[in-house]
Amino acid sequence: MKISDANLKIILDSRGKETLEAELRTDKFSALTSVPSGKSRGAHEAFVLEPKLALEKFEDIKPQILSREFNSQEEFDNFLIQLDGTPNKQNLGTNLILALSLAFARLMAKTENLELFQYVQSIGHITNSPITQPPHPIFNVINGGAHATHPQSKLDFQEFQIIPEVKDFGMALGLGQEFYRKLKEFLENKFGKENILLGDEAGFSCSFKNNEGAIEILAELIKKYNYPLRIGLDAAATQFYKENNYIIGGKNYSAEELKIFYLKLIESYKILSIEDPFYEEAFDDFSILSHVIVPENVKVITDDLTTTNPERLQTAVDKKAGNTILIKPNQIGTLTETLKVVKMAYEANWQVVISHRSGETMDDFIADLAVAINAWGLKAGAPAAPERMVKYERIIKIAAKD
């Protein structure tokens, strides 16, 4: 495929921060892609270039993009990686590289007259994916930690999620939206309307006193309305790890004490998944927790631990430090690299959750990605803000095509 024109511009994400939008053209088609940005970033994520500098870098490489033909996604992505020439995308930046990589994927899908998810499926070569239904939507309905916006929030954990246990995605989305409304009413009655803010991912941020109080509210509403929902947590423990201890509610916890705390929460509230329960280098602590709760079929999700990185994932697999990996394409930089990490996870009998970032755009690429790889879950925030809803609604559109 010969790219006839390429453009890049700066747009604002859902937090009002600058990010990138790329457009690629052939003589017949054009494709537009924007990339998100994260506030809570793992130390091992690929490098993010300041957007204005990315524009300058793009002008340097644009002539090389336009001067040659590309026969495949892998060829284009490897071309970008070679242009960058660094181990961690420090020259061009993962944001610039990913914007171009995903725009190329959209362009190839149009050229081949395929839906985007069909194109991604065709190049992924993932044959042993265990899921045959739409992904479970993972709704982040209460925002804590780095994503909290209320000045009096005392939530150490970053996300308090609800996960529908129904097969129909449209029904799951409807359940999420209904629960979100009920939760809003409950919180307004408890804290007062003027004290209810929205966090970075459109979940509610209030003056919660502790993590368990927020979990208790979710459990109470689920029980009251008999919703087929389970609770998920993203602890993002690196955020409250200091000097070999975890500080929760002003109290110091050792890794062993924190493990016991998690096990009590899991048992008391039938927690379905827990993401990043320990510090991002604590492979052994992840492993100990995973070993204990495997019989309960709880998902131990690695994000900051693995950062969509093949070397980090291999270490996690070898140490049995989880059973599910969170996949964020902008942690690694290209679609090709993302798909290789997904394939590695499946070969290790892990499950996969595709994820957004806290600073999102109206781009819905990750929805097609989730369907293409038969992901267990899609994590795109609360079922409310437009930049979150566009991902969930794209799943429904895809399902309607079957």
Protein backbone atom coordinates (compact mmCIF):
# COMPACT_ATOMS: atom_id res chain seq x y z
CA MET A 1 0.00 0.00 0.00
CA LYS A 2 1.30 3.42 -0.97
CA ILE A 3 0.49 6.24 1.47
CA SER A 4 -0.16 9.40 -0.52
CA ASP A 5 -0.40 11.83 2.41
CA ALA A 6 0.12 11.86 6.16
CA ASN A 7 -0.83 14.47 8.73
CA LEU A 8 -0.53 14.87 12.47
CA LYS A 9 -2.12 17.37 14.82
CA ILE A 10 -2.54 18.03 18.52
CA ILE A 11 -5.99 17.55 20.08
CA LEU A 12 -7.19 17.56 23.70
CA ASP A 13 -8.04 14.38 25.56
CA SER A 14 -10.88 13.96 28.08
CA ARG A 15 -8.77 15.61 30.83
CA GLY A 16 -8.01 18.62 28.63
CA LYS A 17 -4.42 17.46 28.08
CA GLU A 18 -2.70 17.52 24.72
CA THR A 19 -2.48 14.31 22.71
CA LEU A 20 -2.07 13.30 19.06
CA GLU A 21 -4.35 12.60 16.11
CA ALA A 22 -2.92 11.09 12.92
CA GLU A 23 -4.42 10.87 9.45
CA LEU A 24 -3.10 8.68 6.65
CA ARG A 25 -4.37 8.70 3.07
CA THR A 26 -4.15 6.66 -0.10
CA ASP A 27 -5.58 7.69 -3.45
CA LYS A 28 -8.92 6.12 -2.47
CA PHE A 29 -9.17 6.09 1.33
CA SER A 30 -8.31 8.02 4.46
CA ALA A 31 -8.06 6.92 8.09
CA LEU A 32 -7.99 8.94 11.30
CA THR A 33 -6.79 7.78 14.71
CA SER A 34 -6.19 9.54 18.03
CA VAL A 35 -4.29 8.12 20.97
CA PRO A 36 -5.00 8.37 24.72
CA SER A 37 -2.69 9.33 27.56
CA GLY A 38 -2.41 7.92 31.06
CA LYS A 39 -2.00 9.68 34.39
CA SER A 40 -1.15 6.55 36.38
CA ARG A 41 1.71 5.16 34.31
CA GLY A 42 3.87 2.11 34.98
CA ALA A 43 7.63 2.70 35.15
CA HIS A 44 8.21 0.24 32.31
CA GLU A 45 5.84 1.77 29.76
CA ALA A 46 7.32 3.02 26.51
CA PHE A 47 8.34 6.67 26.39
CA VAL A 48 5.70 9.36 25.69
CA LEU A 49 6.94 12.33 23.68
CA GLU A 50 5.72 15.85 24.42
CA PRO A 51 3.09 16.45 21.68
CA LYS A 52 4.68 19.61 20.24
CA LEU A 53 7.99 17.80 19.90
CA ALA A 54 6.14 14.88 18.31
CA LEU A 55 4.90 17.25 15.59
CA GLU A 56 8.50 18.21 14.83
CA LYS A 57 9.62 14.58 14.76
CA PHE A 58 6.73 13.72 12.46
CA GLU A 59 7.77 16.34 9.91
CA ASP A 60 11.24 14.77 9.89
CA ILE A 61 9.95 11.25 9.13
CA LYS A 62 6.98 12.15 6.91
CA PRO A 63 9.02 12.12 3.66
CA GLN A 64 10.23 8.59 4.46
CA ILE A 65 6.66 7.39 5.09
CA LEU A 66 5.50 8.80 1.76
CA SER A 67 8.48 7.56 -0.25
CA ARG A 68 7.85 3.84 -0.06
CA GLU A 69 5.20 1.14 -0.21
CA PHE A 70 4.22 -1.07 2.71
CA ASN A 71 2.85 -4.57 2.18
CA SER A 72 1.74 -5.39 5.72
CA GLN A 73 1.05 -4.05 9.18
CA GLU A 74 4.18 -5.71 10.51
CA GLU A 75 6.31 -4.13 7.79
CA PHE A 76 4.94 -0.66 8.56
CA ASP A 77 5.27 -1.08 12.32
CA ASN A 78 8.82 -2.42 12.05
CA PHE A 79 9.66 0.53 9.80
CA LEU A 80 8.52 2.91 12.57
CA ILE A 81 10.45 0.97 15.20
CA GLN A 82 13.59 1.15 13.09
CA LEU A 83 13.12 4.88 12.50
CA ASP A 84 12.90 5.33 16.25
CA GLY A 85 16.00 3.24 16.86
CA THR A 86 15.77 3.11 20.66
CA PRO A 87 14.75 0.29 23.05
CA ASN A 88 11.88 2.24 24.60
CA LYS A 89 10.58 4.53 21.82
CA GLN A 90 12.50 7.49 23.28
CA ASN A 91 13.19 9.10 19.91
CA LEU A 92 9.76 9.24 18.26
CA GLY A 93 7.67 8.43 21.32
CA THR A 94 5.08 5.69 21.75
CA ASN A 95 2.28 8.23 21.23
CA LEU A 96 3.49 9.27 17.77
CA ILE A 97 4.34 5.71 16.73
CA LEU A 98 1.00 4.32 17.94
CA ALA A 99 -1.05 7.04 16.24
CA LEU A 100 0.60 6.13 12.93
CA SER A 101 0.40 2.38 13.53
CA LEU A 102 -3.33 2.41 14.29
CA ALA A 103 -4.11 4.82 11.45
CA PHE A 104 -2.27 2.43 9.11
CA ALA A 105 -4.40 -0.46 10.44
CA ARG A 106 -7.60 1.46 9.73
CA LEU A 107 -6.36 2.30 6.25
CA MET A 108 -5.45 -1.31 5.52
CA ALA A 109 -8.87 -2.47 6.71
CA LYS A 110 -10.56 -0.07 4.29
CA THR A 111 -8.26 -1.09 1.46
CA GLU A 112 -9.07 -4.76 2.05
CA ASN A 113 -12.80 -4.03 2.48
CA LEU A 114 -12.82 -5.42 6.00
CA GLU A 115 -14.26 -4.24 9.27
CA LEU A 116 -11.44 -3.10 11.54
CA PHE A 117 -11.89 -6.02 13.95
CA GLN A 118 -11.80 -8.44 11.00
CA TYR A 119 -8.54 -6.94 9.78
CA VAL A 120 -6.95 -7.10 13.25
CA GLN A 121 -8.18 -10.68 13.58
CA SER A 122 -6.62 -11.58 10.23
CA ILE A 123 -3.16 -10.29 11.18
CA GLY A 124 -3.19 -11.45 14.81
CA HIS A 125 -2.90 -15.18 14.10
CA ILE A 126 -4.35 -15.88 17.54
CA THR A 127 -5.88 -19.34 17.26
CA ASN A 128 -6.10 -20.48 20.88
CA SER A 129 -8.09 -17.62 22.37
CA PRO A 130 -10.52 -19.21 24.87
CA ILE A 131 -13.39 -16.68 24.74
CA THR A 132 -16.15 -16.92 22.14
CA GLN A 133 -18.50 -14.19 23.35
CA PRO A 134 -18.25 -10.39 23.50
CA PRO A 135 -15.88 -9.09 26.19
CA HIS A 136 -17.16 -8.40 29.69
CA PRO A 137 -17.46 -4.63 30.13
CA ILE A 138 -15.59 -3.52 33.24
CA PHE A 139 -17.18 -0.30 34.50
CA ASN A 140 -15.11 1.91 36.79
CA VAL A 141 -17.95 3.52 38.75
CA ILE A 142 -16.03 4.91 41.74
CA ASN A 143 -12.70 6.66 41.13
CA GLY A 144 -10.03 6.74 43.81
CA GLY A 145 -6.26 7.06 44.06
CA ALA A 146 -4.70 9.03 41.23
CA HIS A 147 -8.07 9.28 39.46
CA ALA A 148 -10.00 10.85 42.34
CA THR A 149 -10.98 14.50 42.00
CA HIS A 150 -12.72 15.14 45.34
CA PRO A 151 -10.27 16.85 47.72
CA GLN A 152 -11.56 14.86 50.71
CA SER A 153 -11.50 11.43 49.08
CA LYS A 154 -9.52 8.97 51.18
CA LEU A 155 -9.66 6.11 48.68
CA ASP A 156 -6.26 4.52 48.22
CA PHE A 157 -7.45 2.06 45.58
CA GLN A 158 -7.73 3.57 42.11
CA GLU A 159 -10.81 1.87 40.69
CA PHE A 160 -13.94 0.33 42.12
CA GLN A 161 -15.61 -1.57 39.31
CA ILE A 162 -18.76 -3.49 38.51
CA ILE A 163 -18.64 -6.39 36.05
CA PRO A 164 -21.89 -7.77 34.59
CA GLU A 165 -22.22 -11.55 34.45
CA VAL A 166 -24.46 -11.73 31.40
CA LYS A 167 -23.54 -12.87 27.89
CA ASP A 168 -25.39 -10.21 25.91
CA PHE A 169 -23.25 -7.06 25.68
CA GLY A 170 -26.21 -4.75 25.15
CA MET A 171 -27.83 -6.11 28.30
CA ALA A 172 -24.53 -5.76 30.15
CA LEU A 173 -24.24 -2.11 29.10
CA GLY A 174 -27.84 -1.46 30.14
CA LEU A 175 -27.15 -2.99 33.56
CA GLY A 176 -24.07 -0.84 33.93
CA GLN A 177 -25.97 2.35 33.07
CA GLU A 178 -28.84 1.50 35.41
CA PHE A 179 -26.45 0.71 38.26
CA TYR A 180 -24.55 3.94 37.58
CA ARG A 181 -27.80 5.93 37.97
CA LYS A 182 -28.75 4.09 41.17
CA LEU A 183 -25.26 4.69 42.55
CA LYS A 184 -25.49 8.39 41.77
CA GLU A 185 -28.81 8.65 43.62
CA PHE A 186 -27.37 6.76 46.59
CA LEU A 187 -24.27 8.94 46.78
CA GLU A 188 -26.28 12.17 46.43
CA ASN A 189 -28.45 11.11 49.35
CA LYS A 190 -25.41 10.13 51.41
CA PHE A 191 -23.01 12.99 50.64
CA GLY A 192 -25.24 15.69 49.12
CA LYS A 193 -25.47 16.60 45.43
CA GLU A 194 -22.91 19.36 45.73
CA ASN A 195 -20.30 16.87 46.99
CA ILE A 196 -20.48 14.44 44.07
CA LEU A 197 -17.73 14.93 41.51
CA LEU A 198 -16.68 12.89 38.50
CA GLY A 199 -13.21 11.36 38.50
CA ASP A 200 -10.87 11.05 35.54
CA GLU A 201 -12.71 8.01 34.15
CA ALA A 202 -16.26 9.33 34.77
CA GLY A 203 -16.69 7.33 37.96
CA PHE A 204 -17.87 9.13 41.08
CA SER A 205 -15.47 10.84 43.45
CA CYS A 206 -16.75 11.75 46.92
CA SER A 207 -15.50 12.15 50.47
CA PHE A 208 -15.22 8.40 51.04
CA LYS A 209 -13.50 7.61 54.33
CA ASN A 210 -11.89 4.28 53.29
CA ASN A 211 -11.71 1.66 50.57
CA GLU A 212 -14.00 -0.83 52.26
CA GLY A 213 -16.72 1.79 52.63
CA ALA A 214 -16.80 2.27 48.86
CA ILE A 215 -16.87 -1.50 48.26
CA GLU A 216 -19.67 -1.88 50.79
CA ILE A 217 -21.83 0.63 48.90
CA LEU A 218 -21.40 -1.31 45.65
CA ALA A 219 -22.17 -4.61 47.37
CA GLU A 220 -25.24 -3.14 49.07
CA LEU A 221 -26.73 -1.86 45.81
CA ILE A 222 -25.99 -5.12 43.99
CA LYS A 223 -27.78 -7.05 46.73
CA LYS A 224 -30.70 -4.62 47.02
CA TYR A 225 -31.58 -4.80 43.32
CA ASN A 226 -30.41 -8.38 42.79
CA TYR A 227 -28.17 -7.32 39.92
CA PRO A 228 -26.08 -10.02 38.15
CA LEU A 229 -22.94 -8.00 38.87
CA ARG A 230 -19.60 -8.72 40.50
CA ILE A 231 -17.12 -6.27 41.98
CA GLY A 232 -13.65 -5.67 40.56
CA LEU A 233 -10.80 -3.62 42.02
CA ASP A 234 -7.78 -1.85 40.59
CA ALA A 235 -5.61 -1.28 43.63
CA ALA A 236 -2.78 0.38 41.64
CA ALA A 237 -0.64 -0.45 44.65
CA THR A 238 2.49 1.24 43.35
CA GLN A 239 0.71 4.53 44.12
CA PHE A 240 0.61 3.78 47.87
CA TYR A 241 3.89 1.85 48.17
CA LYS A 242 6.60 3.64 50.15
CA GLU A 243 9.85 2.32 51.64
CA ASN A 244 8.91 -1.37 51.51
CA ASN A 245 5.47 -0.79 52.99
CA TYR A 246 1.98 -0.16 51.68
CA ILE A 247 0.19 2.79 53.29
CA ILE A 248 -3.59 2.38 53.35
CA GLY A 249 -5.71 4.72 55.41
CA GLY A 250 -2.59 6.01 57.13
CA LYS A 251 -1.66 2.50 58.31
CA ASN A 252 1.45 0.60 57.20
CA TYR A 253 0.98 -2.87 55.72
CA SER A 254 3.66 -5.39 54.86
CA ALA A 255 3.13 -7.41 51.68
CA GLU A 256 1.93 -10.34 53.80
CA GLU A 257 -0.52 -8.16 55.76
CA LEU A 258 -1.80 -6.65 52.52
CA LYS A 259 -2.32 -10.12 51.07
CA ILE A 260 -4.44 -11.05 54.10
CA PHE A 261 -6.42 -7.82 53.70
CA TYR A 262 -7.13 -8.63 50.04
CA LEU A 263 -8.20 -12.18 50.89
CA LYS A 264 -10.72 -10.84 53.41
CA LEU A 265 -12.14 -8.44 50.83
CA ILE A 266 -12.34 -11.18 48.21
CA GLU A 267 -14.18 -13.49 50.59
CA SER A 268 -16.49 -10.86 52.07
CA TYR A 269 -17.57 -9.23 48.81
CA LYS A 270 -17.06 -12.03 46.27
CA ILE A 271 -14.54 -9.91 44.39
CA LEU A 272 -14.13 -11.15 40.81
CA SER A 273 -10.89 -9.42 39.86
CA ILE A 274 -8.07 -7.51 41.47
CA GLU A 275 -5.60 -5.51 39.39
CA ASP A 276 -2.10 -4.48 40.47
CA PRO A 277 -2.48 -5.60 44.10
CA PHE A 278 1.22 -5.01 44.78
CA TYR A 279 4.11 -2.75 43.75
CA GLU A 280 5.12 -2.90 40.08
CA GLU A 281 8.33 -4.86 40.79
CA ALA A 282 6.82 -7.32 43.27
CA PHE A 283 6.56 -10.41 41.03
CA ASP A 284 6.91 -12.77 44.00
CA ASP A 285 4.12 -11.12 46.00
CA PHE A 286 1.82 -11.29 42.96
CA SER A 287 2.73 -14.97 42.71
CA ILE A 288 1.92 -15.71 46.35
CA LEU A 289 -1.51 -14.06 46.08
CA SER A 290 -2.23 -15.78 42.75
CA HIS A 291 -1.38 -19.18 44.20
CA VAL A 292 -3.74 -18.68 47.15
CA ILE A 293 -6.79 -17.48 45.21
CA VAL A 294 -6.61 -19.60 42.05
CA PRO A 295 -9.18 -22.09 43.47
CA GLU A 296 -11.61 -19.18 43.87
CA ASN A 297 -11.37 -18.36 40.15
CA VAL A 298 -10.46 -14.74 40.92
CA LYS A 299 -8.61 -12.84 38.23
CA VAL A 300 -5.27 -11.41 39.33
CA ILE A 301 -4.69 -8.77 36.66
CA THR A 302 -1.24 -7.41 35.89
CA ASP A 303 -0.90 -3.88 34.50
CA ASP A 304 1.98 -1.88 35.99
CA LEU A 305 3.73 -5.21 36.56
CA THR A 306 3.71 -6.16 32.87
CA THR A 307 2.98 -2.92 30.91
CA THR A 308 2.11 -4.79 27.69
CA ASN A 309 5.79 -5.72 27.51
CA PRO A 310 6.86 -9.20 26.32
CA GLU A 311 9.87 -9.47 28.65
CA ARG A 312 7.83 -8.38 31.67
CA LEU A 313 5.01 -10.76 30.73
CA GLN A 314 7.43 -13.66 30.36
CA THR A 315 8.77 -13.04 33.86
CA ALA A 316 5.21 -12.88 35.22
CA VAL A 317 4.30 -16.12 33.44
CA ASP A 318 7.43 -17.90 34.70
CA LYS A 319 6.71 -16.80 38.26
CA LYS A 320 2.96 -17.47 37.95
CA ALA A 321 2.42 -13.88 39.08
CA GLY A 322 -1.14 -13.57 37.75
CA ASN A 323 -3.64 -15.12 35.38
CA THR A 324 -4.84 -12.11 33.36
CA ILE A 325 -2.95 -9.32 31.63
CA LEU A 326 -4.20 -5.80 31.00
CA ILE A 327 -3.36 -4.73 27.46
CA LYS A 328 -2.85 -1.03 26.68
CA PRO A 329 -1.47 -0.48 23.17
CA ASN A 330 0.15 2.84 24.13
CA GLN A 331 2.29 1.06 26.72
CA ILE A 332 4.23 -0.68 23.93
CA GLY A 333 3.72 1.47 20.82
CA THR A 334 2.53 -0.54 17.80
CA LEU A 335 -0.36 -2.82 16.92
CA THR A 336 2.06 -5.58 15.88
CA GLU A 337 3.83 -5.57 19.24
CA THR A 338 0.49 -5.46 21.06
CA LEU A 339 -0.77 -8.54 19.24
CA LYS A 340 2.43 -10.43 19.97
CA VAL A 341 2.00 -9.83 23.69
CA VAL A 342 -1.64 -10.98 23.48
CA LYS A 343 -0.53 -14.16 21.73
CA MET A 344 2.08 -14.79 24.43
CA ALA A 345 -0.58 -14.42 27.12
CA TYR A 346 -2.89 -16.92 25.47
CA GLU A 347 -0.08 -19.40 24.94
CA ALA A 348 0.51 -19.23 28.72
CA ASN A 349 -3.22 -19.84 29.36
CA TRP A 350 -3.70 -16.32 30.68
CA GLN A 351 -6.76 -14.24 29.92
CA VAL A 352 -6.71 -10.75 28.46
CA VAL A 353 -8.46 -7.47 29.27
CA ILE A 354 -8.15 -4.62 26.76
CA SER A 355 -7.97 -1.22 28.44
CA HIS A 356 -8.39 2.48 27.81
CA ARG A 357 -6.45 5.22 29.64
CA SER A 358 -7.55 7.96 32.03
CA GLY A 359 -7.05 10.61 29.35
CA GLU A 360 -9.20 9.31 26.50
CA THR A 361 -10.40 10.46 23.08
CA MET A 362 -13.39 9.62 20.90
CA ASP A 363 -11.39 6.93 19.14
CA ASP A 364 -12.92 3.44 19.51
CA PHE A 365 -10.02 1.31 18.22
CA ILE A 366 -9.72 -0.71 21.44
CA ALA A 367 -13.28 -2.02 21.03
CA ASP A 368 -12.38 -3.61 17.70
CA LEU A 369 -9.16 -4.88 19.24
CA ALA A 370 -11.06 -6.53 22.10
CA VAL A 371 -13.41 -8.31 19.70
CA ALA A 372 -10.60 -9.29 17.31
CA ILE A 373 -8.62 -11.11 20.01
CA ASN A 374 -11.66 -12.48 21.89
CA ALA A 375 -10.65 -10.63 25.05
CA TRP A 376 -12.23 -11.66 28.32
CA GLY A 377 -12.85 -8.02 29.21
CA LEU A 378 -12.97 -4.46 27.94
CA LYS A 379 -12.12 -1.78 30.47
CA ALA A 380 -13.24 1.64 29.22
CA GLY A 381 -14.38 3.52 32.32
CA ALA A 382 -17.83 4.37 33.64
CA PRO A 383 -20.87 3.90 31.35
CA ALA A 384 -21.38 7.64 31.05
CA ALA A 385 -18.93 10.05 29.42
CA PRO A 386 -18.90 10.08 25.58
CA GLU A 387 -15.23 9.12 25.24
CA ARG A 388 -16.00 6.01 27.36
CA MET A 389 -19.36 5.19 25.83
CA VAL A 390 -18.05 5.24 22.25
CA LYS A 391 -15.99 2.11 23.02
CA TYR A 392 -18.94 0.22 24.54
CA GLU A 393 -21.30 1.29 21.76
CA ARG A 394 -18.84 0.07 19.13
CA ILE A 395 -19.04 -3.43 20.65
CA ILE A 396 -22.82 -3.34 20.23
CA LYS A 397 -22.46 -2.28 16.59
CA ILE A 398 -20.05 -5.13 15.96
CA ALA A 399 -22.38 -7.63 17.63
CA ALA A 400 -25.23 -6.43 15.42
CA LYS A 401 -23.22 -7.38 12.34
CA ASP A 402 -23.15 -11.08 13.30
